[in-house]
PDB file of N, CA and C in Angstrom:
ATOM      1  N   MET A   1     -12.982  -4.647 -14.900  1.00  0.00           N
ATOM      2  CA  MET A   1     -12.958  -5.723 -13.929  1.00  0.00           C
ATOM      3  C   MET A   1     -12.142  -6.902 -14.452  1.00  0.00           C
ATOM      4  N   ILE A   2     -12.309  -7.236 -15.706  1.00  0.00           N
ATOM      5  CA  ILE A   2     -11.564  -8.363 -16.289  1.00  0.00           C
ATOM      6  C   ILE A   2     -10.074  -8.048 -16.313  1.00  0.00           C
ATOM      7  N   ILE A   3      -9.724  -6.793 -16.628  1.00  0.00           N
ATOM      8  CA  ILE A   3      -8.314  -6.395 -16.643  1.00  0.00           C
ATOM      9  C   ILE A   3      -7.716  -6.509 -15.248  1.00  0.00           C
ATOM     10  N   SER A   4      -8.478  -6.108 -14.226  1.00  0.00           N
ATOM     11  CA  SER A   4      -7.997  -6.226 -12.849  1.00  0.00           C
ATOM     12  C   SER A   4      -7.756  -7.678 -12.474  1.00  0.00           C
ATOM     13  N   LEU A   5      -8.643  -8.552 -12.910  1.00  0.00           N
ATOM     14  CA  LEU A   5      -8.504  -9.984 -12.625  1.00  0.00           C
ATOM     15  C   LEU A   5      -7.270 -10.551 -13.320  1.00  0.00           C
ATOM     16  N   LEU A   6      -7.064 -10.177 -14.578  1.00  0.00           N
ATOM     17  CA  LEU A   6      -5.885 -10.650 -15.302  1.00  0.00           C
ATOM     18  C   LEU A   6      -4.600 -10.117 -14.674  1.00  0.00           C
ATOM     19  N   ASN A   7      -4.601  -8.838 -14.244  1.00  0.00           N
ATOM     20  CA  ASN A   7      -3.427  -8.282 -13.574  1.00  0.00           C
ATOM     21  C   ASN A   7      -3.141  -9.014 -12.267  1.00  0.00           C
ATOM     22  N   ALA A   8      -4.172  -9.377 -11.538  1.00  0.00           N
ATOM     23  CA  ALA A   8      -3.983 -10.101 -10.284  1.00  0.00           C
ATOM     24  C   ALA A   8      -3.397 -11.491 -10.531  1.00  0.00           C
ATOM     25  N   MET A   9      -3.808 -12.129 -11.628  1.00  0.00           N
ATOM     26  CA  MET A   9      -3.338 -13.485 -11.917  1.00  0.00           C
ATOM     27  C   MET A   9      -1.956 -13.496 -12.568  1.00  0.00           C
ATOM     28  N   PHE A  10      -1.736 -12.630 -13.540  1.00  0.00           N
ATOM     29  CA  PHE A  10      -0.507 -12.668 -14.327  1.00  0.00           C
ATOM     30  C   PHE A  10       0.413 -11.474 -14.096  1.00  0.00           C
ATOM     31  N   GLY A  11      -0.041 -10.478 -13.411  1.00  0.00           N
ATOM     32  CA  GLY A  11       0.757  -9.277 -13.197  1.00  0.00           C
ATOM     33  C   GLY A  11       0.597  -8.302 -14.345  1.00  0.00           C
ATOM     34  N   CYS A  12       0.917  -7.061 -14.080  1.00  0.00           N
ATOM     35  CA  CYS A  12       0.788  -6.004 -15.075  1.00  0.00           C
ATOM     36  C   CYS A  12       2.093  -5.900 -15.867  1.00  0.00           C
ATOM     37  N   SER A  13       1.992  -5.666 -17.167  1.00  0.00           N
ATOM     38  CA  SER A  13       3.191  -5.557 -18.003  1.00  0.00           C
ATOM     39  C   SER A  13       3.750  -4.131 -18.017  1.00  0.00           C
ATOM     40  N   HIS A  14       3.006  -3.166 -17.499  1.00  0.00           N
ATOM     41  CA  HIS A  14       3.425  -1.764 -17.421  1.00  0.00           C
ATOM     42  C   HIS A  14       3.802  -1.211 -18.794  1.00  0.00           C
ATOM     43  N   LYS A  15       3.044  -1.570 -19.816  1.00  0.00           N
ATOM     44  CA  LYS A  15       3.322  -1.114 -21.180  1.00  0.00           C
ATOM     45  C   LYS A  15       2.867   0.330 -21.409  1.00  0.00           C
ATOM     46  N   LYS A  16       1.755   0.725 -20.785  1.00  0.00           N
ATOM     47  CA  LYS A  16       1.224   2.077 -20.972  1.00  0.00           C
ATOM     48  C   LYS A  16       1.577   2.924 -19.753  1.00  0.00           C
ATOM     49  N   THR A  17       2.411   3.932 -19.964  1.00  0.00           N
ATOM     50  CA  THR A  17       2.816   4.800 -18.855  1.00  0.00           C
ATOM     51  C   THR A  17       2.626   6.265 -19.228  1.00  0.00           C
ATOM     52  N   THR A  18       2.651   7.107 -18.224  1.00  0.00           N
ATOM     53  CA  THR A  18       2.575   8.543 -18.443  1.00  0.00           C
ATOM     54  C   THR A  18       3.885   9.037 -19.031  1.00  0.00           C
ATOM     55  N   PHE A  19       3.870  10.258 -19.528  1.00  0.00           N
ATOM     56  CA  PHE A  19       5.101  10.926 -19.919  1.00  0.00           C
ATOM     57  C   PHE A  19       5.888  11.166 -18.635  1.00  0.00           C
ATOM     58  N   PRO A  20       7.213  11.134 -18.664  1.00  0.00           N
ATOM     59  CA  PRO A  20       7.987  11.351 -17.430  1.00  0.00           C
ATOM     60  C   PRO A  20       7.611  12.658 -16.731  1.00  0.00           C
ATOM     61  N   ILE A  21       7.406  12.557 -15.426  1.00  0.00           N
ATOM     62  CA  ILE A  21       6.987  13.682 -14.597  1.00  0.00           C
ATOM     63  C   ILE A  21       8.139  14.077 -13.683  1.00  0.00           C
ATOM     64  N   THR A  22       8.492  15.356 -13.696  1.00  0.00           N
ATOM     65  CA  THR A  22       9.503  15.876 -12.776  1.00  0.00           C
ATOM     66  C   THR A  22       8.837  16.949 -11.921  1.00  0.00           C
ATOM     67  N   PRO A  23       8.683  16.706 -10.616  1.00  0.00           N
ATOM     68  CA  PRO A  23       8.028  17.685  -9.750  1.00  0.00           C
ATOM     69  C   PRO A  23       8.820  18.995  -9.695  1.00  0.00           C
ATOM     70  N   ALA A  24       8.110  20.064  -9.427  1.00  0.00           N
ATOM     71  CA  ALA A  24       8.754  21.364  -9.260  1.00  0.00           C
ATOM     72  C   ALA A  24       9.654  21.328  -8.035  1.00  0.00           C
ATOM     73  N   ARG A  25      10.604  22.235  -8.009  1.00  0.00           N
ATOM     74  CA  ARG A  25      11.486  22.303  -6.839  1.00  0.00           C
ATOM     75  C   ARG A  25      10.683  22.553  -5.582  1.00  0.00           C
ATOM     76  N   ARG A  26      11.140  21.935  -4.522  1.00  0.00           N
ATOM     77  CA  ARG A  26      10.479  22.165  -3.230  1.00  0.00           C
ATOM     78  C   ARG A  26      10.931  23.509  -2.694  1.00  0.00           C
ATOM     79  N   THR A  27      10.034  24.185  -2.047  1.00  0.00           N
ATOM     80  CA  THR A  27      10.396  25.449  -1.429  1.00  0.00           C
ATOM     81  C   THR A  27      11.096  25.181  -0.109  1.00  0.00           C
ATOM     82  N   GLN A  28      11.780  26.173   0.399  1.00  0.00           N
ATOM     83  CA  GLN A  28      12.467  26.008   1.680  1.00  0.00           C
ATOM     84  C   GLN A  28      11.475  25.868   2.819  1.00  0.00           C
ATOM     85  N   MET A  29      10.251  26.329   2.620  1.00  0.00           N
ATOM     86  CA  MET A  29       9.226  26.234   3.654  1.00  0.00           C
ATOM     87  C   MET A  29       8.707  24.801   3.788  1.00  0.00           C
ATOM     88  N   SER A  30       8.792  24.025   2.727  1.00  0.00           N
ATOM     89  CA  SER A  30       8.264  22.665   2.734  1.00  0.00           C
ATOM     90  C   SER A  30       9.200  21.730   3.496  1.00  0.00           C
ATOM     91  N   THR A  31       8.616  20.983   4.436  1.00  0.00           N
ATOM     92  CA  THR A  31       9.401  20.015   5.209  1.00  0.00           C
ATOM     93  C   THR A  31       8.860  18.607   5.035  1.00  0.00           C
ATOM     94  N   ASP A  32       8.018  18.407   4.035  1.00  0.00           N
ATOM     95  CA  ASP A  32       7.419  17.094   3.798  1.00  0.00           C
ATOM     96  C   ASP A  32       8.480  16.129   3.285  1.00  0.00           C
ATOM     97  N   SER A  33       8.852  15.152   4.107  1.00  0.00           N
ATOM     98  CA  SER A  33       9.905  14.208   3.720  1.00  0.00           C
ATOM     99  C   SER A  33       9.425  13.193   2.688  1.00  0.00           C
ATOM    100  N   SER A  34       8.107  13.070   2.505  1.00  0.00           N
ATOM    101  CA  SER A  34       7.604  12.114   1.532  1.00  0.00           C
ATOM    102  C   SER A  34       7.470  12.728   0.143  1.00  0.00           C
ATOM    103  N   ALA A  35       7.834  13.993  -0.011  1.00  0.00           N
ATOM    104  CA  ALA A  35       7.729  14.648  -1.318  1.00  0.00           C
ATOM    105  C   ALA A  35       8.686  13.995  -2.304  1.00  0.00           C
ATOM    106  N   ARG A  36       8.230  13.825  -3.507  1.00  0.00           N
ATOM    107  CA  ARG A  36       9.004  13.179  -4.552  1.00  0.00           C
ATOM    108  C   ARG A  36      10.162  14.067  -4.979  1.00  0.00           C
ATOM    109  N   ARG A  37      11.322  13.476  -5.206  1.00  0.00           N
ATOM    110  CA  ARG A  37      12.518  14.251  -5.518  1.00  0.00           C
ATOM    111  C   ARG A  37      13.047  14.021  -6.925  1.00  0.00           C
ATOM    112  N   GLY A  38      12.592  13.021  -7.636  1.00  0.00           N
ATOM    113  CA  GLY A  38      13.141  12.725  -8.956  1.00  0.00           C
ATOM    114  C   GLY A  38      12.069  12.524 -10.003  1.00  0.00           C
ATOM    115  N   THR A  39      12.505  12.289 -11.221  1.00  0.00           N
ATOM    116  CA  THR A  39      11.590  12.068 -12.329  1.00  0.00           C
ATOM    117  C   THR A  39      11.023  10.660 -12.246  1.00  0.00           C
ATOM    118  N   TYR A  40       9.747  10.526 -12.584  1.00  0.00           N
ATOM    119  CA  TYR A  40       9.100   9.222 -12.506  1.00  0.00           C
ATOM    120  C   TYR A  40       8.013   9.109 -13.567  1.00  0.00           C
ATOM    121  N   VAL A  41       7.549   7.890 -13.806  1.00  0.00           N
ATOM    122  CA  VAL A  41       6.412   7.604 -14.669  1.00  0.00           C
ATOM    123  C   VAL A  41       5.425   6.760 -13.874  1.00  0.00           C
ATOM    124  N   VAL A  42       4.170   6.759 -14.324  1.00  0.00           N
ATOM    125  CA  VAL A  42       3.133   5.986 -13.654  1.00  0.00           C
ATOM    126  C   VAL A  42       2.477   5.062 -14.678  1.00  0.00           C
ATOM    127  N   CYS A  43       2.310   3.804 -14.312  1.00  0.00           N
ATOM    128  CA  CYS A  43       1.614   2.852 -15.177  1.00  0.00           C
ATOM    129  C   CYS A  43       0.135   3.227 -15.217  1.00  0.00           C
ATOM    130  N   LEU A  44      -0.416   3.383 -16.411  1.00  0.00           N
ATOM    131  CA  LEU A  44      -1.812   3.784 -16.558  1.00  0.00           C
ATOM    132  C   LEU A  44      -2.776   2.638 -16.286  1.00  0.00           C
ATOM    133  N   ASP A  45      -2.292   1.407 -16.267  1.00  0.00           N
ATOM    134  CA  ASP A  45      -3.157   0.262 -16.000  1.00  0.00           C
ATOM    135  C   ASP A  45      -3.273  -0.044 -14.507  1.00  0.00           C
ATOM    136  N   CYS A  46      -2.143  -0.043 -13.796  1.00  0.00           N
ATOM    137  CA  CYS A  46      -2.184  -0.450 -12.377  1.00  0.00           C
ATOM    138  C   CYS A  46      -1.873   0.682 -11.405  1.00  0.00           C
ATOM    139  N   GLY A  47      -1.315   1.802 -11.887  1.00  0.00           N
ATOM    140  CA  GLY A  47      -1.038   2.938 -11.015  1.00  0.00           C
ATOM    141  C   GLY A  47       0.304   2.894 -10.311  1.00  0.00           C
ATOM    142  N   LYS A  48       1.116   1.916 -10.593  1.00  0.00           N
ATOM    143  CA  LYS A  48       2.424   1.799  -9.936  1.00  0.00           C
ATOM    144  C   LYS A  48       3.388   2.847 -10.488  1.00  0.00           C
ATOM    145  N   GLU A  49       4.215   3.417  -9.612  1.00  0.00           N
ATOM    146  CA  GLU A  49       5.183   4.439 -10.002  1.00  0.00           C
ATOM    147  C   GLU A  49       6.569   3.830 -10.172  1.00  0.00           C
ATOM    148  N   PHE A  50       7.296   4.342 -11.178  1.00  0.00           N
ATOM    149  CA  PHE A  50       8.647   3.874 -11.466  1.00  0.00           C
ATOM    150  C   PHE A  50       9.563   5.072 -11.652  1.00  0.00           C
ATOM    151  N   ASP A  51      10.795   4.972 -11.144  1.00  0.00           N
ATOM    152  CA  ASP A  51      11.795   6.009 -11.401  1.00  0.00           C
ATOM    153  C   ASP A  51      12.090   6.025 -12.894  1.00  0.00           C
ATOM    154  N   TYR A  52      12.462   7.206 -13.410  1.00  0.00           N
ATOM    155  CA  TYR A  52      12.773   7.344 -14.830  1.00  0.00           C
ATOM    156  C   TYR A  52      14.091   8.079 -14.985  1.00  0.00           C
ATOM    157  N   SER A  53      14.939   7.587 -15.851  1.00  0.00           N
ATOM    158  CA  SER A  53      16.240   8.205 -16.106  1.00  0.00           C
ATOM    159  C   SER A  53      16.185   8.937 -17.437  1.00  0.00           C
ATOM    160  N   TRP A  54      16.335  10.276 -17.400  1.00  0.00           N
ATOM    161  CA  TRP A  54      16.380  11.057 -18.632  1.00  0.00           C
ATOM    162  C   TRP A  54      17.656  10.748 -19.409  1.00  0.00           C
ATOM    163  N   ARG A  55      18.735  10.469 -18.700  1.00  0.00           N
ATOM    164  CA  ARG A  55      20.006  10.185 -19.366  1.00  0.00           C
ATOM    165  C   ARG A  55      19.917   8.917 -20.216  1.00  0.00           C
ATOM    166  N   ASP A  56      19.352   7.857 -19.629  1.00  0.00           N
ATOM    167  CA  ASP A  56      19.227   6.585 -20.341  1.00  0.00           C
ATOM    168  C   ASP A  56      17.904   6.462 -21.100  1.00  0.00           C
ATOM    169  N   MET A  57      16.975   7.357 -20.778  1.00  0.00           N
ATOM    170  CA  MET A  57      15.611   7.323 -21.328  1.00  0.00           C
ATOM    171  C   MET A  57      14.973   5.958 -21.119  1.00  0.00           C
ATOM    172  N   LYS A  58      15.068   5.489 -19.871  1.00  0.00           N
ATOM    173  CA  LYS A  58      14.521   4.185 -19.500  1.00  0.00           C
ATOM    174  C   LYS A  58      13.814   4.270 -18.160  1.00  0.00           C
ATOM    175  N   ILE A  59      12.857   3.380 -18.017  1.00  0.00           N
ATOM    176  CA  ILE A  59      12.197   3.201 -16.725  1.00  0.00           C
ATOM    177  C   ILE A  59      13.100   2.316 -15.890  1.00  0.00           C
ATOM    178  N   SER A  60      13.280   2.678 -14.628  1.00  0.00           N
ATOM    179  CA  SER A  60      14.120   1.851 -13.763  1.00  0.00           C
ATOM    180  C   SER A  60      13.273   1.272 -12.632  1.00  0.00           C
ATOM    181  N   ALA A  61      13.808   1.212 -11.466  1.00  0.00           N
ATOM    182  CA  ALA A  61      13.205   0.517 -10.327  1.00  0.00           C
ATOM    183  C   ALA A  61      11.855   1.101  -9.922  1.00  0.00           C
ATOM    184  N   PRO A  62      10.956   0.243  -9.424  1.00  0.00           N
ATOM    185  CA  PRO A  62       9.695   0.745  -8.879  1.00  0.00           C
ATOM    186  C   PRO A  62       9.956   1.625  -7.668  1.00  0.00           C
ATOM    187  N   VAL A  63       9.100   2.595  -7.475  1.00  0.00           N
ATOM    188  CA  VAL A  63       9.238   3.521  -6.357  1.00  0.00           C
ATOM    189  C   VAL A  63       8.665   2.873  -5.110  1.00  0.00           C
ATOM    190  N   MET A  64       9.455   2.874  -4.050  1.00  0.00           N
ATOM    191  CA  MET A  64       8.986   2.372  -2.766  1.00  0.00           C
ATOM    192  C   MET A  64       8.531   3.564  -1.942  1.00  0.00           C
ATOM    193  N   LYS A  65       7.264   3.561  -1.583  1.00  0.00           N
ATOM    194  CA  LYS A  65       6.728   4.674  -0.807  1.00  0.00           C
ATOM    195  C   LYS A  65       7.103   4.494   0.653  1.00  0.00           C
ATOM    196  N   PRO A  66       7.584   5.577   1.306  1.00  0.00           N
ATOM    197  CA  PRO A  66       7.940   5.471   2.714  1.00  0.00           C
ATOM    198  C   PRO A  66       6.714   5.268   3.590  1.00  0.00           C
ATOM    199  N   ALA A  67       6.872   4.445   4.613  1.00  0.00           N
ATOM    200  CA  ALA A  67       5.776   4.215   5.556  1.00  0.00           C
ATOM    201  C   ALA A  67       5.673   5.405   6.489  1.00  0.00           C
ATOM    202  N   HIS A  68       4.471   5.856   6.705  1.00  0.00           N
ATOM    203  CA  HIS A  68       4.239   6.983   7.609  1.00  0.00           C
ATOM    204  C   HIS A  68       3.899   6.425   8.983  1.00  0.00           C
ATOM    205  N   ALA A  69       4.891   6.309   9.815  1.00  0.00           N
ATOM    206  CA  ALA A  69       4.699   5.737  11.144  1.00  0.00           C
ATOM    207  C   ALA A  69       3.832   6.644  11.999  1.00  0.00           C
ATOM    208  N   GLY A  70       2.667   6.126  12.378  1.00  0.00           N
ATOM    209  CA  GLY A  70       1.797   6.843  13.289  1.00  0.00           C
ATOM    210  C   GLY A  70       1.015   7.988  12.668  1.00  0.00           C
ATOM    211  N   SER A  71       1.010   8.135  11.378  1.00  0.00           N
ATOM    212  CA  SER A  71       0.324   9.271  10.775  1.00  0.00           C
ATOM    213  C   SER A  71      -1.188   9.158  10.898  1.00  0.00           C
ATOM    214  N   LEU A  72      -1.736   7.959  10.780  1.00  0.00           N
ATOM    215  CA  LEU A  72      -3.177   7.787  10.892  1.00  0.00           C
ATOM    216  C   LEU A  72      -3.575   6.902  12.062  1.00  0.00           C
ATOM    217  N   THR A  73      -2.616   6.329  12.733  1.00  0.00           N
ATOM    218  CA  THR A  73      -2.952   5.390  13.800  1.00  0.00           C
ATOM    219  C   THR A  73      -3.247   6.080  15.111  1.00  0.00           C
ATOM    220  N   ALA A  74      -2.591   7.177  15.385  1.00  0.00           N
ATOM    221  CA  ALA A  74      -2.806   7.867  16.649  1.00  0.00           C
ATOM    222  C   ALA A  74      -3.708   9.070  16.436  1.00  0.00           C
ATOM    223  N   VAL A  75      -4.833   9.098  17.157  1.00  0.00           N
ATOM    224  CA  VAL A  75      -5.762  10.211  17.066  1.00  0.00           C
ATOM    225  C   VAL A  75      -5.878  10.841  18.443  1.00  0.00           C
ATOM    226  N   ASN A  76      -5.592  12.111  18.530  1.00  0.00           N
ATOM    227  CA  ASN A  76      -5.706  12.832  19.802  1.00  0.00           C
ATOM    228  C   ASN A  76      -7.067  13.471  19.912  1.00  0.00           C
ATOM    229  N   HIS A  77      -7.720  13.281  21.043  1.00  0.00           N
ATOM    230  CA  HIS A  77      -9.033  13.896  21.247  1.00  0.00           C
ATOM    231  C   HIS A  77      -8.932  15.019  22.226  1.00  0.00           C
TER     232      HIS A  77
END
């Protein structure tokens, strides 16, 4: 709880991250446009995802998740 409060006040430094993750190739049957396509790391403190470059061995820009328009807002009965 204290860590969450400090992150809210000062922001997370993203010092502790996972090992770079590269998802398996998507199959031709998969049409999920939100599926991840590149290598990324995740901050273990706040859960934020960042792109990762194997060539530079550096964390780059934060990952922006696409908005799912109407995925949960419209319910058909």
